[in-house]
């Protein structure tokens, strides 16, 4: 199944609003940029632990980032 290049999660917006690169988010959360990229483009769903880690990091909910 092909994914639309326009489909994005709110994770990308949150990261950019904070002025952070994927490398910076990796250093602060431990989640590799390759995973972050796939999450942002909605190619894969994050593991529950990663989704919670990112939600806590951005001070929001999992639903807000990925819903």
N, C-alpha and C. Protein backbone atom coordinates (compact mmCIF):
# COMPACT_ATOMS: atom_id res chain seq x y z
N UNK A 1 0.84 -1.17 0.00
CA UNK A 1 0.00 0.00 0.00
C UNK A 1 0.89 1.24 0.00
N UNK A 2 0.62 2.16 -0.89
CA UNK A 2 1.37 3.41 -0.95
C UNK A 2 0.80 4.41 0.03
N UNK A 3 1.68 5.16 0.66
CA UNK A 3 1.26 6.19 1.59
C UNK A 3 1.36 7.54 0.91
N UNK A 4 0.44 8.40 1.23
CA UNK A 4 0.46 9.74 0.67
C UNK A 4 1.63 10.54 1.25
N UNK A 5 2.31 11.27 0.39
CA UNK A 5 3.40 12.12 0.88
C UNK A 5 2.85 13.26 1.73
N UNK A 6 1.57 13.53 1.65
CA UNK A 6 0.98 14.62 2.42
C UNK A 6 0.52 14.18 3.80
N UNK A 7 0.45 12.87 4.03
CA UNK A 7 -0.01 12.40 5.33
C UNK A 7 1.09 12.59 6.36
N UNK A 8 0.81 13.35 7.36
CA UNK A 8 1.78 13.62 8.42
C UNK A 8 1.09 13.53 9.78
N UNK A 9 1.86 13.22 10.78
CA UNK A 9 1.33 13.27 12.14
C UNK A 9 1.62 14.66 12.71
N UNK A 10 1.01 14.95 13.83
CA UNK A 10 1.26 16.23 14.48
C UNK A 10 2.64 16.27 15.13
N UNK A 11 3.27 15.11 15.24
CA UNK A 11 4.61 15.04 15.79
C UNK A 11 5.57 15.96 15.03
N UNK A 12 5.48 15.95 13.74
CA UNK A 12 6.34 16.79 12.91
C UNK A 12 6.11 18.27 13.22
N UNK A 13 4.85 18.66 13.33
CA UNK A 13 4.53 20.06 13.64
C UNK A 13 5.06 20.45 15.01
N UNK A 14 4.86 19.59 16.00
CA UNK A 14 5.32 19.87 17.36
C UNK A 14 6.84 20.03 17.39
N UNK A 15 7.53 19.13 16.72
CA UNK A 15 8.99 19.18 16.70
C UNK A 15 9.47 20.49 16.07
N UNK A 16 8.86 20.85 14.97
CA UNK A 16 9.25 22.08 14.27
C UNK A 16 8.87 23.33 15.06
N UNK A 17 7.71 23.30 15.73
CA UNK A 17 7.29 24.43 16.57
C UNK A 17 8.31 24.69 17.68
N UNK A 18 8.92 23.61 18.17
CA UNK A 18 9.93 23.73 19.23
C UNK A 18 11.31 24.05 18.67
N UNK A 19 11.42 24.10 17.35
CA UNK A 19 12.69 24.41 16.72
C UNK A 19 13.74 23.33 16.88
N UNK A 20 13.29 22.08 16.92
CA UNK A 20 14.20 20.96 17.15
C UNK A 20 14.42 20.14 15.88
N UNK A 21 15.63 19.65 15.73
CA UNK A 21 15.92 18.70 14.65
C UNK A 21 15.64 17.30 15.17
N UNK A 22 15.60 16.35 14.26
CA UNK A 22 15.40 14.96 14.68
C UNK A 22 16.57 14.49 15.54
N UNK A 23 17.77 14.94 15.23
CA UNK A 23 18.95 14.56 16.03
C UNK A 23 18.83 15.09 17.46
N UNK A 24 18.31 16.30 17.62
CA UNK A 24 18.13 16.85 18.96
C UNK A 24 17.09 16.06 19.73
N UNK A 25 16.00 15.70 19.07
CA UNK A 25 14.97 14.90 19.73
C UNK A 25 15.55 13.54 20.11
N UNK A 26 16.38 12.99 19.26
CA UNK A 26 17.03 11.71 19.58
C UNK A 26 17.86 11.84 20.86
N UNK A 27 18.67 12.89 20.93
CA UNK A 27 19.52 13.07 22.11
C UNK A 27 18.69 13.23 23.39
N UNK A 28 17.54 13.85 23.26
CA UNK A 28 16.72 14.13 24.44
C UNK A 28 15.76 13.00 24.80
N UNK A 29 15.43 12.14 23.84
CA UNK A 29 14.46 11.06 24.11
C UNK A 29 15.04 9.66 23.94
N UNK A 30 16.14 9.56 23.18
CA UNK A 30 16.71 8.23 22.91
C UNK A 30 16.07 7.52 21.74
N UNK A 31 15.16 8.19 21.05
CA UNK A 31 14.48 7.58 19.90
C UNK A 31 15.23 7.96 18.63
N UNK A 32 15.71 6.97 17.86
CA UNK A 32 16.52 7.25 16.67
C UNK A 32 15.77 8.07 15.61
N UNK A 33 16.50 8.93 14.89
CA UNK A 33 15.88 9.75 13.84
C UNK A 33 15.16 8.92 12.77
N UNK A 34 15.65 7.74 12.47
CA UNK A 34 14.97 6.90 11.47
C UNK A 34 13.57 6.55 11.94
N UNK A 35 13.43 6.27 13.24
CA UNK A 35 12.10 5.96 13.78
C UNK A 35 11.23 7.21 13.78
N UNK A 36 11.82 8.33 14.23
CA UNK A 36 11.06 9.58 14.25
C UNK A 36 10.53 9.93 12.87
N UNK A 37 11.36 9.75 11.87
CA UNK A 37 10.95 10.05 10.50
C UNK A 37 9.76 9.19 10.08
N UNK A 38 9.82 7.91 10.40
CA UNK A 38 8.70 7.02 10.03
C UNK A 38 7.44 7.38 10.80
N UNK A 39 7.60 7.77 12.08
CA UNK A 39 6.43 8.19 12.87
C UNK A 39 5.83 9.47 12.29
N UNK A 40 6.69 10.43 11.95
CA UNK A 40 6.20 11.71 11.43
C UNK A 40 5.47 11.54 10.11
N UNK A 41 5.92 10.62 9.28
CA UNK A 41 5.29 10.40 7.98
C UNK A 41 4.17 9.37 8.04
N UNK A 42 3.85 8.91 9.25
CA UNK A 42 2.77 7.94 9.49
C UNK A 42 2.98 6.65 8.70
N UNK A 43 4.25 6.26 8.55
CA UNK A 43 4.54 5.00 7.86
C UNK A 43 4.42 3.82 8.81
N UNK A 44 4.70 4.06 10.08
CA UNK A 44 4.54 3.05 11.12
C UNK A 44 4.01 3.74 12.37
N UNK A 45 3.35 2.95 13.21
CA UNK A 45 2.91 3.47 14.50
C UNK A 45 4.01 3.19 15.51
N UNK A 46 4.27 4.14 16.39
CA UNK A 46 5.32 3.91 17.39
C UNK A 46 4.89 2.88 18.41
N UNK A 47 5.88 2.22 19.02
CA UNK A 47 5.61 1.36 20.17
C UNK A 47 4.99 2.24 21.25
N UNK A 48 4.21 1.64 22.10
CA UNK A 48 3.54 2.39 23.16
C UNK A 48 4.56 3.17 23.99
N UNK A 49 5.68 2.55 24.31
CA UNK A 49 6.68 3.23 25.14
C UNK A 49 7.23 4.46 24.43
N UNK A 50 7.47 4.38 23.13
CA UNK A 50 7.97 5.53 22.38
C UNK A 50 6.91 6.61 22.24
N UNK A 51 5.67 6.20 22.02
CA UNK A 51 4.58 7.18 21.91
C UNK A 51 4.43 7.95 23.21
N UNK A 52 4.48 7.24 24.33
CA UNK A 52 4.37 7.90 25.64
C UNK A 52 5.57 8.79 25.91
N UNK A 53 6.75 8.33 25.55
CA UNK A 53 7.97 9.12 25.75
C UNK A 53 7.89 10.44 24.97
N UNK A 54 7.43 10.36 23.73
CA UNK A 54 7.32 11.56 22.91
C UNK A 54 6.22 12.50 23.43
N UNK A 55 5.10 11.93 23.85
CA UNK A 55 4.02 12.75 24.39
C UNK A 55 4.49 13.49 25.65
N UNK A 56 5.18 12.80 26.53
CA UNK A 56 5.70 13.45 27.74
C UNK A 56 6.72 14.53 27.37
N UNK A 57 7.59 14.21 26.44
CA UNK A 57 8.62 15.15 26.02
C UNK A 57 8.00 16.45 25.49
N UNK A 58 6.97 16.32 24.66
CA UNK A 58 6.32 17.50 24.06
C UNK A 58 5.18 18.05 24.92
N UNK A 59 5.01 17.47 26.12
CA UNK A 59 3.99 17.92 27.07
C UNK A 59 2.59 17.94 26.43
N UNK A 60 2.25 16.81 25.84
CA UNK A 60 0.94 16.67 25.21
C UNK A 60 0.50 15.22 25.37
N UNK A 61 -0.54 14.84 24.65
CA UNK A 61 -1.05 13.47 24.73
C UNK A 61 -0.64 12.68 23.49
N UNK A 62 -0.68 11.37 23.63
CA UNK A 62 -0.41 10.50 22.49
C UNK A 62 -1.43 10.78 21.39
N UNK A 63 -2.68 10.98 21.78
CA UNK A 63 -3.74 11.24 20.80
C UNK A 63 -3.46 12.53 20.02
N UNK A 64 -2.93 13.54 20.71
CA UNK A 64 -2.63 14.80 20.05
C UNK A 64 -1.52 14.62 19.01
N UNK A 65 -0.53 13.81 19.33
CA UNK A 65 0.59 13.61 18.40
C UNK A 65 0.26 12.69 17.25
N UNK A 66 -0.50 11.63 17.53
CA UNK A 66 -0.69 10.59 16.53
C UNK A 66 -2.14 10.32 16.15
N UNK A 67 -3.09 11.00 16.79
CA UNK A 67 -4.50 10.74 16.56
C UNK A 67 -5.06 11.28 15.29
